[in-house]
Amino acid sequence: MAIMATSHGNLLHDVPSGAPDEVFTALLQRQAAGEVTIERIVSNGQSSPPGFWYDNPQDEWVLVVAGSGAVETDTGAMHKLVPGDWLHLPAHCRHRVAWTDPAQPTVWLAVHFTAKP
C-alpha cells in the first residue's frame, strides 16, 4: 500500500510586514465532496473599503494567530478578535474587516469550506 506524502509548514514563517495590501497565501487546497481551502491572511492595518461587504458562497472559519482585528457583519455585530479568537461565518453572511492593528501584522488562519446541507 502506498503512503501519501505529508505536507507541513510554519504559519508564522516569512510573514510580510508593511505590504500595501493584505497578503493571501493558500496553505492547503483539495477537491473533495466539497472544496476546502486553508489560507493565511496577513493584514498590516488594512480594512475593507467603505461600503464593501464579503459575501462568500462557502462557510469561512477564521482564527487570529497574531495581532488583532475586528470583523463586522451586515447585522451590525462587531467581533473584535485577538490571538486565539476564532469566528465562523456561514455562507453568504455578509461581512467586512472593520480594522486591523496598524502597529503589527495581524495573521489570520482562514478555512473556507462547503458545508453539507
N, C-alpha and C. Protein backbone atom coordinates (compact mmCIF):
# COMPACT_ATOMS: atom_id res chain seq x y z
N MET A 1 0.84 -1.17 0.00
CA MET A 1 0.00 0.00 0.00
C MET A 1 0.89 1.25 0.00
N ALA A 2 0.62 2.15 -0.90
CA ALA A 2 1.39 3.39 -0.98
C ALA A 2 0.96 4.34 0.13
N ILE A 3 1.93 5.01 0.70
CA ILE A 3 1.64 6.01 1.73
C ILE A 3 1.80 7.38 1.10
N MET A 4 0.77 8.21 1.28
CA MET A 4 0.80 9.55 0.69
C MET A 4 1.76 10.43 1.49
N ALA A 5 2.43 11.33 0.79
CA ALA A 5 3.35 12.25 1.44
C ALA A 5 2.57 13.27 2.26
N THR A 6 3.11 13.61 3.40
CA THR A 6 2.51 14.66 4.21
C THR A 6 3.09 16.00 3.78
N SER A 7 2.44 17.07 4.17
CA SER A 7 2.98 18.40 3.91
C SER A 7 2.95 19.16 5.22
N HIS A 8 3.87 20.08 5.35
CA HIS A 8 3.94 20.85 6.59
C HIS A 8 4.49 22.23 6.30
N GLY A 9 4.35 23.10 7.26
CA GLY A 9 4.87 24.46 7.13
C GLY A 9 4.69 25.18 8.45
N ASN A 10 5.19 26.38 8.49
CA ASN A 10 5.05 27.21 9.68
C ASN A 10 4.22 28.42 9.31
N LEU A 11 3.10 28.59 9.98
CA LEU A 11 2.17 29.68 9.69
C LEU A 11 2.83 31.04 9.86
N LEU A 12 3.82 31.13 10.75
CA LEU A 12 4.44 32.42 11.04
C LEU A 12 5.76 32.64 10.30
N HIS A 13 6.12 31.74 9.38
CA HIS A 13 7.35 31.87 8.60
C HIS A 13 7.14 32.86 7.45
N ASP A 14 8.09 33.75 7.24
CA ASP A 14 8.06 34.73 6.14
C ASP A 14 6.79 35.59 6.16
N VAL A 15 6.39 36.07 7.33
CA VAL A 15 5.23 36.96 7.43
C VAL A 15 5.62 38.31 6.86
N PRO A 16 4.91 38.78 5.82
CA PRO A 16 5.24 40.07 5.23
C PRO A 16 4.91 41.21 6.20
N SER A 17 5.73 42.22 6.20
CA SER A 17 5.50 43.38 7.04
C SER A 17 5.51 44.63 6.18
N GLY A 18 4.53 45.48 6.36
CA GLY A 18 4.49 46.75 5.64
C GLY A 18 3.98 46.67 4.22
N ALA A 19 3.36 45.56 3.83
CA ALA A 19 2.82 45.45 2.47
C ALA A 19 1.64 46.41 2.32
N PRO A 20 1.46 47.02 1.15
CA PRO A 20 0.37 47.98 0.96
C PRO A 20 -1.00 47.32 0.97
N ASP A 21 -1.08 46.03 0.66
CA ASP A 21 -2.35 45.29 0.64
C ASP A 21 -2.21 44.04 1.49
N GLU A 22 -3.35 43.47 1.88
CA GLU A 22 -3.31 42.21 2.59
C GLU A 22 -2.69 41.16 1.68
N VAL A 23 -2.02 40.19 2.28
CA VAL A 23 -1.34 39.14 1.53
C VAL A 23 -2.01 37.80 1.86
N PHE A 24 -2.54 37.13 0.84
CA PHE A 24 -3.24 35.86 1.00
C PHE A 24 -2.34 34.73 0.51
N THR A 25 -2.18 33.68 1.32
CA THR A 25 -1.36 32.54 0.96
C THR A 25 -2.17 31.27 1.17
N ALA A 26 -2.47 30.54 0.09
CA ALA A 26 -3.19 29.27 0.24
C ALA A 26 -2.24 28.26 0.86
N LEU A 27 -2.65 27.65 1.95
CA LEU A 27 -1.82 26.67 2.63
C LEU A 27 -2.17 25.25 2.24
N LEU A 28 -3.43 25.00 1.93
CA LEU A 28 -3.87 23.68 1.50
C LEU A 28 -5.17 23.84 0.74
N GLN A 29 -5.25 23.20 -0.40
CA GLN A 29 -6.49 23.23 -1.18
C GLN A 29 -6.64 21.87 -1.85
N ARG A 30 -7.75 21.22 -1.58
CA ARG A 30 -8.01 19.90 -2.15
C ARG A 30 -9.46 19.83 -2.60
N GLN A 31 -9.71 19.11 -3.66
CA GLN A 31 -11.08 18.87 -4.11
C GLN A 31 -11.57 17.60 -3.43
N ALA A 32 -12.70 17.68 -2.79
CA ALA A 32 -13.28 16.52 -2.10
C ALA A 32 -14.78 16.56 -2.35
N ALA A 33 -15.56 16.11 -1.40
CA ALA A 33 -17.02 16.20 -1.54
C ALA A 33 -17.41 17.65 -1.75
N GLY A 34 -16.72 18.51 -1.07
CA GLY A 34 -16.85 19.95 -1.25
C GLY A 34 -15.45 20.52 -1.16
N GLU A 35 -15.22 21.64 -1.78
CA GLU A 35 -13.88 22.21 -1.78
C GLU A 35 -13.55 22.78 -0.41
N VAL A 36 -12.30 22.59 0.00
CA VAL A 36 -11.79 23.16 1.25
C VAL A 36 -10.52 23.92 0.91
N THR A 37 -10.42 25.14 1.39
CA THR A 37 -9.21 25.93 1.22
C THR A 37 -8.79 26.45 2.59
N ILE A 38 -7.52 26.27 2.92
CA ILE A 38 -6.95 26.81 4.15
C ILE A 38 -5.92 27.84 3.72
N GLU A 39 -6.05 29.05 4.24
CA GLU A 39 -5.11 30.09 3.83
C GLU A 39 -4.69 30.94 5.01
N ARG A 40 -3.51 31.52 4.86
CA ARG A 40 -3.02 32.52 5.79
C ARG A 40 -3.29 33.88 5.18
N ILE A 41 -3.84 34.79 5.97
CA ILE A 41 -4.06 36.17 5.54
C ILE A 41 -3.25 37.05 6.48
N VAL A 42 -2.46 37.96 5.92
CA VAL A 42 -1.68 38.89 6.74
C VAL A 42 -2.16 40.30 6.45
N SER A 43 -2.60 40.98 7.50
CA SER A 43 -3.07 42.36 7.39
C SER A 43 -2.10 43.27 8.13
N ASN A 44 -1.80 44.40 7.54
CA ASN A 44 -0.93 45.39 8.17
C ASN A 44 -1.69 46.70 8.26
N GLY A 45 -2.73 46.73 9.11
CA GLY A 45 -3.53 47.93 9.28
C GLY A 45 -4.64 48.09 8.25
N GLN A 46 -4.79 47.14 7.35
CA GLN A 46 -5.83 47.26 6.32
C GLN A 46 -7.22 46.98 6.89
N SER A 47 -8.21 47.48 6.17
CA SER A 47 -9.61 47.18 6.45
C SER A 47 -10.32 47.09 5.11
N SER A 48 -11.54 46.60 5.13
CA SER A 48 -12.32 46.55 3.88
C SER A 48 -12.67 47.97 3.47
N PRO A 49 -12.74 48.24 2.18
CA PRO A 49 -13.12 49.58 1.72
C PRO A 49 -14.51 49.95 2.23
N PRO A 50 -14.77 51.24 2.44
CA PRO A 50 -16.10 51.67 2.88
C PRO A 50 -17.18 51.13 1.94
N GLY A 51 -18.23 50.59 2.53
CA GLY A 51 -19.36 50.08 1.74
C GLY A 51 -19.14 48.70 1.13
N PHE A 52 -17.93 48.12 1.28
CA PHE A 52 -17.65 46.80 0.70
C PHE A 52 -18.01 45.72 1.70
N TRP A 53 -18.67 44.66 1.20
CA TRP A 53 -19.02 43.51 2.03
C TRP A 53 -18.62 42.23 1.31
N TYR A 54 -17.93 41.34 2.02
CA TYR A 54 -17.69 39.99 1.51
C TYR A 54 -19.02 39.24 1.56
N ASP A 55 -19.30 38.43 0.55
CA ASP A 55 -20.50 37.59 0.50
C ASP A 55 -20.07 36.26 -0.10
N ASN A 56 -19.37 35.47 0.70
CA ASN A 56 -18.76 34.23 0.20
C ASN A 56 -19.78 33.12 0.02
N PRO A 57 -19.64 32.33 -1.05
CA PRO A 57 -20.54 31.20 -1.27
C PRO A 57 -20.24 30.02 -0.35
N GLN A 58 -19.09 30.06 0.33
CA GLN A 58 -18.70 28.99 1.25
C GLN A 58 -18.70 29.52 2.69
N ASP A 59 -18.80 28.60 3.65
CA ASP A 59 -18.58 28.97 5.04
C ASP A 59 -17.12 29.39 5.18
N GLU A 60 -16.85 30.24 6.17
CA GLU A 60 -15.48 30.64 6.46
C GLU A 60 -15.28 30.59 7.97
N TRP A 61 -14.18 29.99 8.38
CA TRP A 61 -13.79 29.94 9.79
C TRP A 61 -12.45 30.64 9.87
N VAL A 62 -12.36 31.67 10.72
CA VAL A 62 -11.11 32.42 10.83
C VAL A 62 -10.61 32.39 12.27
N LEU A 63 -9.29 32.35 12.40
CA LEU A 63 -8.61 32.36 13.68
C LEU A 63 -7.53 33.43 13.62
N VAL A 64 -7.47 34.30 14.63
CA VAL A 64 -6.38 35.27 14.70
C VAL A 64 -5.22 34.61 15.44
N VAL A 65 -4.08 34.54 14.77
CA VAL A 65 -2.89 33.91 15.33
C VAL A 65 -2.00 34.96 15.99
N ALA A 66 -1.92 36.14 15.39
CA ALA A 66 -1.10 37.23 15.93
C ALA A 66 -1.76 38.55 15.55
N GLY A 67 -1.50 39.59 16.35
CA GLY A 67 -2.10 40.89 16.07
C GLY A 67 -3.54 40.93 16.56
N SER A 68 -4.33 41.80 15.94
CA SER A 68 -5.75 41.90 16.31
C SER A 68 -6.51 42.56 15.17
N GLY A 69 -7.82 42.38 15.22
CA GLY A 69 -8.67 42.97 14.19
C GLY A 69 -10.12 42.82 14.58
N ALA A 70 -10.99 43.36 13.76
CA ALA A 70 -12.42 43.24 14.02
C ALA A 70 -13.14 42.93 12.72
N VAL A 71 -14.11 42.03 12.82
CA VAL A 71 -14.96 41.67 11.70
C VAL A 71 -16.37 42.15 12.03
N GLU A 72 -16.97 42.87 11.09
CA GLU A 72 -18.32 43.38 11.25
C GLU A 72 -19.24 42.64 10.29
N THR A 73 -20.43 42.27 10.76
CA THR A 73 -21.42 41.67 9.86
C THR A 73 -22.45 42.73 9.49
N ASP A 74 -23.21 42.47 8.44
CA ASP A 74 -24.19 43.47 8.00
C ASP A 74 -25.38 43.59 8.95
N THR A 75 -25.39 42.77 10.01
CA THR A 75 -26.41 42.93 11.06
C THR A 75 -25.98 43.98 12.07
N GLY A 76 -24.73 44.47 11.93
CA GLY A 76 -24.19 45.45 12.86
C GLY A 76 -23.35 44.84 13.96
N ALA A 77 -23.27 43.51 14.03
CA ALA A 77 -22.44 42.86 15.05
C ALA A 77 -20.97 43.12 14.75
N MET A 78 -20.21 43.48 15.78
CA MET A 78 -18.78 43.73 15.65
C MET A 78 -18.06 42.69 16.51
N HIS A 79 -17.16 41.94 15.89
CA HIS A 79 -16.42 40.89 16.58
C HIS A 79 -14.95 41.28 16.64
N LYS A 80 -14.47 41.73 17.80
CA LYS A 80 -13.05 42.04 17.98
C LYS A 80 -12.34 40.72 18.25
N LEU A 81 -11.25 40.48 17.52
CA LEU A 81 -10.52 39.22 17.64
C LEU A 81 -9.07 39.48 18.00
N VAL A 82 -8.58 38.74 18.99
CA VAL A 82 -7.19 38.79 19.41
C VAL A 82 -6.63 37.38 19.28
N PRO A 83 -5.30 37.19 19.44
CA PRO A 83 -4.74 35.86 19.24
C PRO A 83 -5.50 34.77 20.01
N GLY A 84 -5.86 33.73 19.26
CA GLY A 84 -6.60 32.61 19.82
C GLY A 84 -8.10 32.69 19.57
N ASP A 85 -8.61 33.88 19.26
CA ASP A 85 -10.05 34.02 18.99
C ASP A 85 -10.37 33.54 17.59
N TRP A 86 -11.51 32.88 17.44
CA TRP A 86 -11.96 32.42 16.12
C TRP A 86 -13.40 32.82 15.91
N LEU A 87 -13.80 32.83 14.64
CA LEU A 87 -15.14 33.23 14.24
C LEU A 87 -15.57 32.38 13.06
N HIS A 88 -16.78 31.84 13.12
CA HIS A 88 -17.35 31.10 11.98
C HIS A 88 -18.36 32.00 11.29
N LEU A 89 -18.20 32.17 9.99
CA LEU A 89 -19.12 32.97 9.16
C LEU A 89 -19.79 32.03 8.17
N PRO A 90 -21.08 31.75 8.35
CA PRO A 90 -21.78 30.86 7.41
C PRO A 90 -21.77 31.44 5.99
N ALA A 91 -21.96 30.58 5.02
CA ALA A 91 -22.03 31.02 3.61
C ALA A 91 -23.03 32.17 3.49
N HIS A 92 -22.67 33.16 2.73
CA HIS A 92 -23.49 34.34 2.43
C HIS A 92 -23.76 35.23 3.64
N CYS A 93 -22.99 35.06 4.71
CA CYS A 93 -23.05 36.00 5.83
C CYS A 93 -22.20 37.20 5.41
N ARG A 94 -22.87 38.29 5.07
CA ARG A 94 -22.14 39.46 4.58
C ARG A 94 -21.32 40.05 5.73
N HIS A 95 -20.02 40.25 5.46
CA HIS A 95 -19.12 40.74 6.49
C HIS A 95 -17.99 41.55 5.87
N ARG A 96 -17.30 42.28 6.72
CA ARG A 96 -16.17 43.10 6.29
C ARG A 96 -15.15 43.16 7.41
N VAL A 97 -13.91 43.46 7.06
CA VAL A 97 -12.88 43.69 8.07
C VAL A 97 -12.98 45.16 8.46
N ALA A 98 -13.37 45.42 9.70
CA ALA A 98 -13.56 46.79 10.17
C ALA A 98 -12.21 47.47 10.41
N TRP A 99 -11.27 46.74 10.99
CA TRP A 99 -9.93 47.28 11.24
C TRP A 99 -8.97 46.14 11.58
N THR A 100 -7.69 46.41 11.38
CA THR A 100 -6.63 45.52 11.85
C THR A 100 -5.55 46.40 12.46
N ASP A 101 -4.75 45.82 13.30
CA ASP A 101 -3.72 46.54 14.05
C ASP A 101 -2.68 47.15 13.11
N PRO A 102 -2.54 48.48 13.11
CA PRO A 102 -1.55 49.10 12.23
C PRO A 102 -0.12 48.99 12.77
N ALA A 103 0.03 48.62 14.05
CA ALA A 103 1.36 48.60 14.67
C ALA A 103 2.08 47.27 14.50
N GLN A 104 1.36 46.24 14.08
CA GLN A 104 1.98 44.92 13.90
C GLN A 104 1.15 44.12 12.91
N PRO A 105 1.76 43.14 12.26
CA PRO A 105 0.97 42.30 11.35
C PRO A 105 -0.10 41.52 12.11
N THR A 106 -1.28 41.45 11.53
CA THR A 106 -2.34 40.57 12.03
C THR A 106 -2.34 39.34 11.13
N VAL A 107 -2.09 38.19 11.72
CA VAL A 107 -2.03 36.94 10.97
C VAL A 107 -3.31 36.16 11.26
N TRP A 108 -4.04 35.89 10.18
CA TRP A 108 -5.29 35.14 10.26
C TRP A 108 -5.07 33.76 9.64
N LEU A 109 -5.71 32.74 10.20
CA LEU A 109 -5.81 31.44 9.57
C LEU A 109 -7.26 31.31 9.14
N ALA A 110 -7.50 31.17 7.85
CA ALA A 110 -8.86 31.10 7.32
C ALA A 110 -9.09 29.75 6.66
N VAL A 111 -10.22 29.15 6.98
CA VAL A 111 -10.63 27.89 6.38
C VAL A 111 -11.95 28.13 5.66
N HIS A 112 -11.96 27.94 4.35
CA HIS A 112 -13.18 28.09 3.54
C HIS A 112 -13.64 26.68 3.17
N PHE A 113 -14.92 26.41 3.40
CA PHE A 113 -15.42 25.07 3.11
C PHE A 113 -16.89 25.10 2.74
N THR A 114 -17.30 24.08 2.02
CA THR A 114 -18.70 23.92 1.65
C THR A 114 -19.35 23.01 2.68
N ALA A 115 -20.29 23.56 3.42
CA ALA A 115 -20.97 22.79 4.46
C ALA A 115 -21.99 21.86 3.81
N LYS A 116 -22.15 20.70 4.39
CA LYS A 116 -23.18 19.78 3.89
C LYS A 116 -24.53 20.28 4.35
N PRO A 117 -25.55 20.15 3.48
CA PRO A 117 -26.89 20.64 3.87
C PRO A 117 -27.47 19.85 5.02
